[in-house]
Amino acid sequence: MKILVKWFNDADEPPGDALGVVYLDRGYGPRTEVATVMRYNGYVAGTMSDGSESFSSETMKGFKASVLEYLVSEKVTVKSLMSGKDVELRRVDVGGPCDPSTERYFSM
């Protein structure tokens, strides 16, 4: 599992102000957009796509580590498709094959 950043201008490390998207690559299935990111005055800052958390760091490595730590440690509640009961998952598992609120979970 890793965090990938795609800058809108396709540069690896764009100078100055730049905007990009942060993706979660689980190593299977499609990548999931999890946050937006920008570089500003030497800092990297971003916000989760659902607005739940913001991060900033002096380095891209520190920023990616913060986002990944949040995704792994944060718990969310989803509703199981089959039972209708609430299930608590790590945020990183939402939408993947470990998520009982998706059809993929029951077809595996």
N, C-alpha and C. Protein backbone atom coordinates (compact mmCIF):
# COMPACT_ATOMS: atom_id res chain seq x y z
N MET A 1 0.84 -1.16 0.00
CA MET A 1 0.00 0.00 0.00
C MET A 1 0.89 1.23 0.00
N LYS A 2 0.59 2.20 -0.88
CA LYS A 2 1.40 3.41 -0.91
C LYS A 2 0.56 4.61 -1.33
N ILE A 3 1.10 5.76 -1.03
CA ILE A 3 0.47 7.03 -1.39
C ILE A 3 1.16 7.58 -2.62
N LEU A 4 0.39 7.92 -3.64
CA LEU A 4 0.93 8.48 -4.87
C LEU A 4 0.40 9.90 -5.05
N VAL A 5 1.22 10.78 -5.60
CA VAL A 5 0.79 12.16 -5.86
C VAL A 5 0.89 12.41 -7.35
N LYS A 6 -0.16 12.90 -7.95
CA LYS A 6 -0.19 13.26 -9.37
C LYS A 6 -0.38 14.77 -9.46
N TRP A 7 0.66 15.46 -9.91
CA TRP A 7 0.58 16.90 -10.07
C TRP A 7 -0.16 17.22 -11.36
N PHE A 8 -0.95 18.26 -11.35
CA PHE A 8 -1.74 18.60 -12.53
C PHE A 8 -0.87 18.98 -13.73
N ASN A 9 0.37 19.44 -13.47
CA ASN A 9 1.26 19.79 -14.58
C ASN A 9 2.22 18.66 -14.92
N ASP A 10 1.98 17.47 -14.36
CA ASP A 10 2.75 16.25 -14.64
C ASP A 10 4.22 16.31 -14.23
N ALA A 11 4.63 17.27 -13.43
CA ALA A 11 6.01 17.33 -12.96
C ALA A 11 6.12 16.53 -11.66
N ASP A 12 7.27 15.93 -11.41
CA ASP A 12 7.46 15.18 -10.17
C ASP A 12 7.54 16.10 -8.96
N GLU A 13 8.29 17.12 -9.05
CA GLU A 13 8.43 18.10 -7.96
C GLU A 13 8.31 19.50 -8.56
N PRO A 14 7.09 19.99 -8.74
CA PRO A 14 6.91 21.28 -9.39
C PRO A 14 7.41 22.44 -8.51
N PRO A 15 7.99 23.44 -9.12
CA PRO A 15 8.43 24.61 -8.35
C PRO A 15 7.26 25.51 -7.99
N GLY A 16 7.39 26.21 -6.89
CA GLY A 16 6.37 27.19 -6.51
C GLY A 16 5.02 26.57 -6.22
N ASP A 17 3.97 27.36 -6.46
CA ASP A 17 2.60 26.91 -6.21
C ASP A 17 2.21 25.86 -7.25
N ALA A 18 1.67 24.77 -6.81
CA ALA A 18 1.20 23.73 -7.72
C ALA A 18 0.10 22.95 -7.03
N LEU A 19 -0.81 22.44 -7.82
CA LEU A 19 -1.92 21.65 -7.29
C LEU A 19 -1.81 20.22 -7.79
N GLY A 20 -2.27 19.29 -6.98
CA GLY A 20 -2.25 17.89 -7.38
C GLY A 20 -3.28 17.10 -6.63
N VAL A 21 -3.32 15.80 -6.92
CA VAL A 21 -4.26 14.87 -6.31
C VAL A 21 -3.46 13.76 -5.64
N VAL A 22 -3.89 13.34 -4.48
CA VAL A 22 -3.25 12.25 -3.75
C VAL A 22 -4.09 11.00 -3.91
N TYR A 23 -3.44 9.90 -4.32
CA TYR A 23 -4.13 8.63 -4.52
C TYR A 23 -3.62 7.59 -3.54
N LEU A 24 -4.49 6.67 -3.17
CA LEU A 24 -4.11 5.50 -2.39
C LEU A 24 -4.01 4.34 -3.36
N ASP A 25 -2.85 3.70 -3.41
CA ASP A 25 -2.65 2.52 -4.25
C ASP A 25 -2.53 1.32 -3.33
N ARG A 26 -3.57 0.50 -3.27
CA ARG A 26 -3.59 -0.66 -2.39
C ARG A 26 -2.79 -1.84 -2.95
N GLY A 27 -2.36 -1.74 -4.21
CA GLY A 27 -1.65 -2.83 -4.84
C GLY A 27 -2.59 -3.76 -5.60
N TYR A 28 -3.89 -3.47 -5.56
CA TYR A 28 -4.89 -4.23 -6.31
C TYR A 28 -6.03 -3.27 -6.62
N GLY A 29 -6.74 -3.54 -7.66
CA GLY A 29 -7.88 -2.71 -8.03
C GLY A 29 -7.47 -1.31 -8.43
N PRO A 30 -8.45 -0.46 -8.65
CA PRO A 30 -8.15 0.91 -9.08
C PRO A 30 -7.60 1.76 -7.93
N ARG A 31 -6.85 2.78 -8.29
CA ARG A 31 -6.38 3.73 -7.29
C ARG A 31 -7.55 4.57 -6.82
N THR A 32 -7.50 4.97 -5.56
CA THR A 32 -8.59 5.75 -4.96
C THR A 32 -8.09 7.16 -4.65
N GLU A 33 -8.80 8.17 -5.15
CA GLU A 33 -8.44 9.55 -4.82
C GLU A 33 -8.81 9.81 -3.36
N VAL A 34 -7.82 10.25 -2.56
CA VAL A 34 -8.08 10.45 -1.14
C VAL A 34 -7.91 11.90 -0.68
N ALA A 35 -7.18 12.72 -1.45
CA ALA A 35 -6.94 14.09 -0.99
C ALA A 35 -6.49 14.96 -2.15
N THR A 36 -6.52 16.26 -1.91
CA THR A 36 -5.90 17.22 -2.82
C THR A 36 -4.67 17.77 -2.12
N VAL A 37 -3.70 18.20 -2.90
CA VAL A 37 -2.44 18.66 -2.33
C VAL A 37 -1.96 19.90 -3.08
N MET A 38 -1.21 20.75 -2.38
CA MET A 38 -0.59 21.89 -3.04
C MET A 38 0.75 22.19 -2.40
N ARG A 39 1.63 22.76 -3.19
CA ARG A 39 2.91 23.24 -2.68
C ARG A 39 2.81 24.75 -2.60
N TYR A 40 3.22 25.31 -1.48
CA TYR A 40 3.12 26.74 -1.29
C TYR A 40 4.24 27.21 -0.37
N ASN A 41 5.07 28.10 -0.85
CA ASN A 41 6.18 28.66 -0.07
C ASN A 41 7.04 27.58 0.60
N GLY A 42 7.33 26.52 -0.13
CA GLY A 42 8.20 25.48 0.40
C GLY A 42 7.51 24.44 1.26
N TYR A 43 6.23 24.59 1.51
CA TYR A 43 5.48 23.61 2.30
C TYR A 43 4.57 22.79 1.40
N VAL A 44 4.23 21.60 1.85
CA VAL A 44 3.26 20.75 1.18
C VAL A 44 2.05 20.69 2.09
N ALA A 45 0.88 21.01 1.55
CA ALA A 45 -0.34 21.01 2.36
C ALA A 45 -1.45 20.34 1.57
N GLY A 46 -2.35 19.68 2.27
CA GLY A 46 -3.45 19.01 1.59
C GLY A 46 -4.63 18.78 2.50
N THR A 47 -5.75 18.44 1.87
CA THR A 47 -6.99 18.17 2.58
C THR A 47 -7.59 16.88 2.04
N MET A 48 -8.10 16.05 2.94
CA MET A 48 -8.77 14.82 2.52
C MET A 48 -9.96 15.17 1.63
N SER A 49 -10.27 14.31 0.68
CA SER A 49 -11.34 14.57 -0.29
C SER A 49 -12.69 14.79 0.38
N ASP A 50 -12.92 14.14 1.52
CA ASP A 50 -14.19 14.31 2.23
C ASP A 50 -14.15 15.47 3.23
N GLY A 51 -13.02 16.20 3.28
CA GLY A 51 -12.90 17.35 4.17
C GLY A 51 -12.68 17.00 5.62
N SER A 52 -12.42 15.74 5.93
CA SER A 52 -12.32 15.30 7.32
C SER A 52 -11.03 15.71 8.02
N GLU A 53 -9.96 15.95 7.27
CA GLU A 53 -8.66 16.23 7.89
C GLU A 53 -7.78 17.02 6.93
N SER A 54 -6.90 17.85 7.49
CA SER A 54 -5.92 18.59 6.70
C SER A 54 -4.52 18.25 7.20
N PHE A 55 -3.56 18.29 6.30
CA PHE A 55 -2.18 17.95 6.64
C PHE A 55 -1.24 18.98 6.04
N SER A 56 -0.08 19.16 6.67
CA SER A 56 0.97 19.98 6.08
C SER A 56 2.31 19.47 6.56
N SER A 57 3.32 19.68 5.74
CA SER A 57 4.66 19.22 6.07
C SER A 57 5.66 20.02 5.26
N GLU A 58 6.91 20.04 5.72
CA GLU A 58 7.95 20.70 4.95
C GLU A 58 8.44 19.82 3.81
N THR A 59 8.18 18.52 3.86
CA THR A 59 8.64 17.61 2.81
C THR A 59 7.49 16.77 2.28
N MET A 60 7.62 16.33 1.05
CA MET A 60 6.60 15.46 0.46
C MET A 60 6.57 14.12 1.19
N LYS A 61 7.73 13.62 1.61
CA LYS A 61 7.80 12.35 2.34
C LYS A 61 7.02 12.44 3.65
N GLY A 62 7.17 13.53 4.37
CA GLY A 62 6.44 13.73 5.62
C GLY A 62 4.94 13.84 5.39
N PHE A 63 4.56 14.51 4.30
CA PHE A 63 3.15 14.66 3.96
C PHE A 63 2.53 13.30 3.66
N LYS A 64 3.20 12.51 2.81
CA LYS A 64 2.69 11.18 2.46
C LYS A 64 2.56 10.29 3.69
N ALA A 65 3.54 10.36 4.59
CA ALA A 65 3.50 9.56 5.81
C ALA A 65 2.31 9.96 6.68
N SER A 66 2.03 11.25 6.78
CA SER A 66 0.89 11.72 7.58
C SER A 66 -0.44 11.24 7.01
N VAL A 67 -0.58 11.32 5.69
CA VAL A 67 -1.81 10.87 5.05
C VAL A 67 -2.01 9.37 5.25
N LEU A 68 -0.96 8.58 5.03
CA LEU A 68 -1.07 7.14 5.19
C LEU A 68 -1.39 6.75 6.63
N GLU A 69 -0.74 7.40 7.59
CA GLU A 69 -1.01 7.12 9.00
C GLU A 69 -2.47 7.41 9.33
N TYR A 70 -3.00 8.52 8.83
CA TYR A 70 -4.40 8.87 9.06
C TYR A 70 -5.33 7.81 8.45
N LEU A 71 -5.06 7.39 7.21
CA LEU A 71 -5.92 6.41 6.55
C LEU A 71 -5.93 5.07 7.27
N VAL A 72 -4.80 4.68 7.83
CA VAL A 72 -4.70 3.40 8.52
C VAL A 72 -5.29 3.45 9.92
N SER A 73 -5.14 4.57 10.62
CA SER A 73 -5.58 4.65 12.01
C SER A 73 -7.02 5.14 12.19
N GLU A 74 -7.53 5.93 11.26
CA GLU A 74 -8.87 6.50 11.39
C GLU A 74 -9.94 5.43 11.14
N LYS A 75 -10.92 5.36 12.02
CA LYS A 75 -12.04 4.41 11.89
C LYS A 75 -13.27 5.13 11.35
N VAL A 76 -14.01 4.46 10.47
CA VAL A 76 -15.26 4.98 9.94
C VAL A 76 -16.32 3.90 10.05
N THR A 77 -17.57 4.29 10.03
CA THR A 77 -18.68 3.35 10.12
C THR A 77 -19.37 3.26 8.77
N VAL A 78 -19.55 2.05 8.28
CA VAL A 78 -20.28 1.79 7.03
C VAL A 78 -21.42 0.83 7.34
N LYS A 79 -22.39 0.76 6.44
CA LYS A 79 -23.54 -0.13 6.63
C LYS A 79 -23.37 -1.34 5.71
N SER A 80 -23.44 -2.53 6.28
CA SER A 80 -23.32 -3.77 5.52
C SER A 80 -24.49 -3.90 4.55
N LEU A 81 -24.19 -4.26 3.30
CA LEU A 81 -25.25 -4.44 2.30
C LEU A 81 -26.17 -5.60 2.64
N MET A 82 -25.63 -6.67 3.21
CA MET A 82 -26.43 -7.87 3.47
C MET A 82 -27.24 -7.79 4.75
N SER A 83 -26.61 -7.38 5.85
CA SER A 83 -27.30 -7.39 7.14
C SER A 83 -27.93 -6.04 7.49
N GLY A 84 -27.43 -4.97 6.87
CA GLY A 84 -27.94 -3.64 7.20
C GLY A 84 -27.37 -3.09 8.50
N LYS A 85 -26.46 -3.85 9.13
CA LYS A 85 -25.86 -3.42 10.39
C LYS A 85 -24.67 -2.49 10.13
N ASP A 86 -24.39 -1.65 11.11
CA ASP A 86 -23.22 -0.77 11.02
C ASP A 86 -21.97 -1.58 11.32
N VAL A 87 -20.93 -1.34 10.53
CA VAL A 87 -19.64 -2.02 10.68
C VAL A 87 -18.56 -0.96 10.74
N GLU A 88 -17.61 -1.10 11.66
CA GLU A 88 -16.52 -0.14 11.79
C GLU A 88 -15.29 -0.67 11.04
N LEU A 89 -14.73 0.17 10.16
CA LEU A 89 -13.57 -0.18 9.35
C LEU A 89 -12.49 0.88 9.47
N ARG A 90 -11.27 0.49 9.11
CA ARG A 90 -10.23 1.50 8.94
C ARG A 90 -10.57 2.28 7.67
N ARG A 91 -10.30 3.57 7.65
CA ARG A 91 -10.62 4.40 6.49
C ARG A 91 -9.97 3.85 5.22
N VAL A 92 -8.79 3.27 5.35
CA VAL A 92 -8.07 2.75 4.18
C VAL A 92 -8.80 1.59 3.53
N ASP A 93 -9.66 0.87 4.25
CA ASP A 93 -10.38 -0.28 3.71
C ASP A 93 -11.70 0.07 3.06
N VAL A 94 -12.18 1.29 3.23
CA VAL A 94 -13.46 1.69 2.66
C VAL A 94 -13.36 1.68 1.13
N GLY A 95 -14.30 0.98 0.49
CA GLY A 95 -14.32 0.89 -0.96
C GLY A 95 -13.54 -0.27 -1.52
N GLY A 96 -12.77 -0.95 -0.69
CA GLY A 96 -11.97 -2.09 -1.14
C GLY A 96 -12.70 -3.40 -0.91
N PRO A 97 -12.01 -4.51 -1.15
CA PRO A 97 -12.66 -5.81 -0.98
C PRO A 97 -12.92 -6.18 0.48
N CYS A 98 -12.41 -5.41 1.43
CA CYS A 98 -12.66 -5.68 2.86
C CYS A 98 -13.85 -4.88 3.38
N ASP A 99 -14.56 -4.18 2.50
CA ASP A 99 -15.65 -3.29 2.88
C ASP A 99 -16.99 -3.97 2.64
N PRO A 100 -17.73 -4.37 3.70
CA PRO A 100 -19.02 -5.06 3.52
C PRO A 100 -20.13 -4.15 3.00
N SER A 101 -19.84 -2.88 2.79
CA SER A 101 -20.87 -2.00 2.22
C SER A 101 -20.76 -1.97 0.69
N THR A 102 -19.86 -2.81 0.11
CA THR A 102 -19.70 -2.87 -1.34
C THR A 102 -20.10 -4.25 -1.86
N GLU A 103 -20.53 -4.31 -3.11
CA GLU A 103 -20.88 -5.58 -3.72
C GLU A 103 -19.62 -6.44 -3.90
N ARG A 104 -18.47 -5.81 -4.10
CA ARG A 104 -17.23 -6.56 -4.29
C ARG A 104 -16.94 -7.46 -3.09
N TYR A 105 -17.26 -7.01 -1.88
CA TYR A 105 -17.02 -7.79 -0.67
C TYR A 105 -17.74 -9.13 -0.73
N PHE A 106 -18.99 -9.12 -1.18
CA PHE A 106 -19.80 -10.33 -1.18
C PHE A 106 -19.57 -11.19 -2.41
N SER A 107 -18.87 -10.69 -3.42
CA SER A 107 -18.62 -11.47 -4.61
C SER A 107 -17.24 -12.10 -4.63
N MET A 108 -16.43 -11.81 -3.61
CA MET A 108 -15.07 -12.37 -3.56
C MET A 108 -15.10 -13.81 -3.10
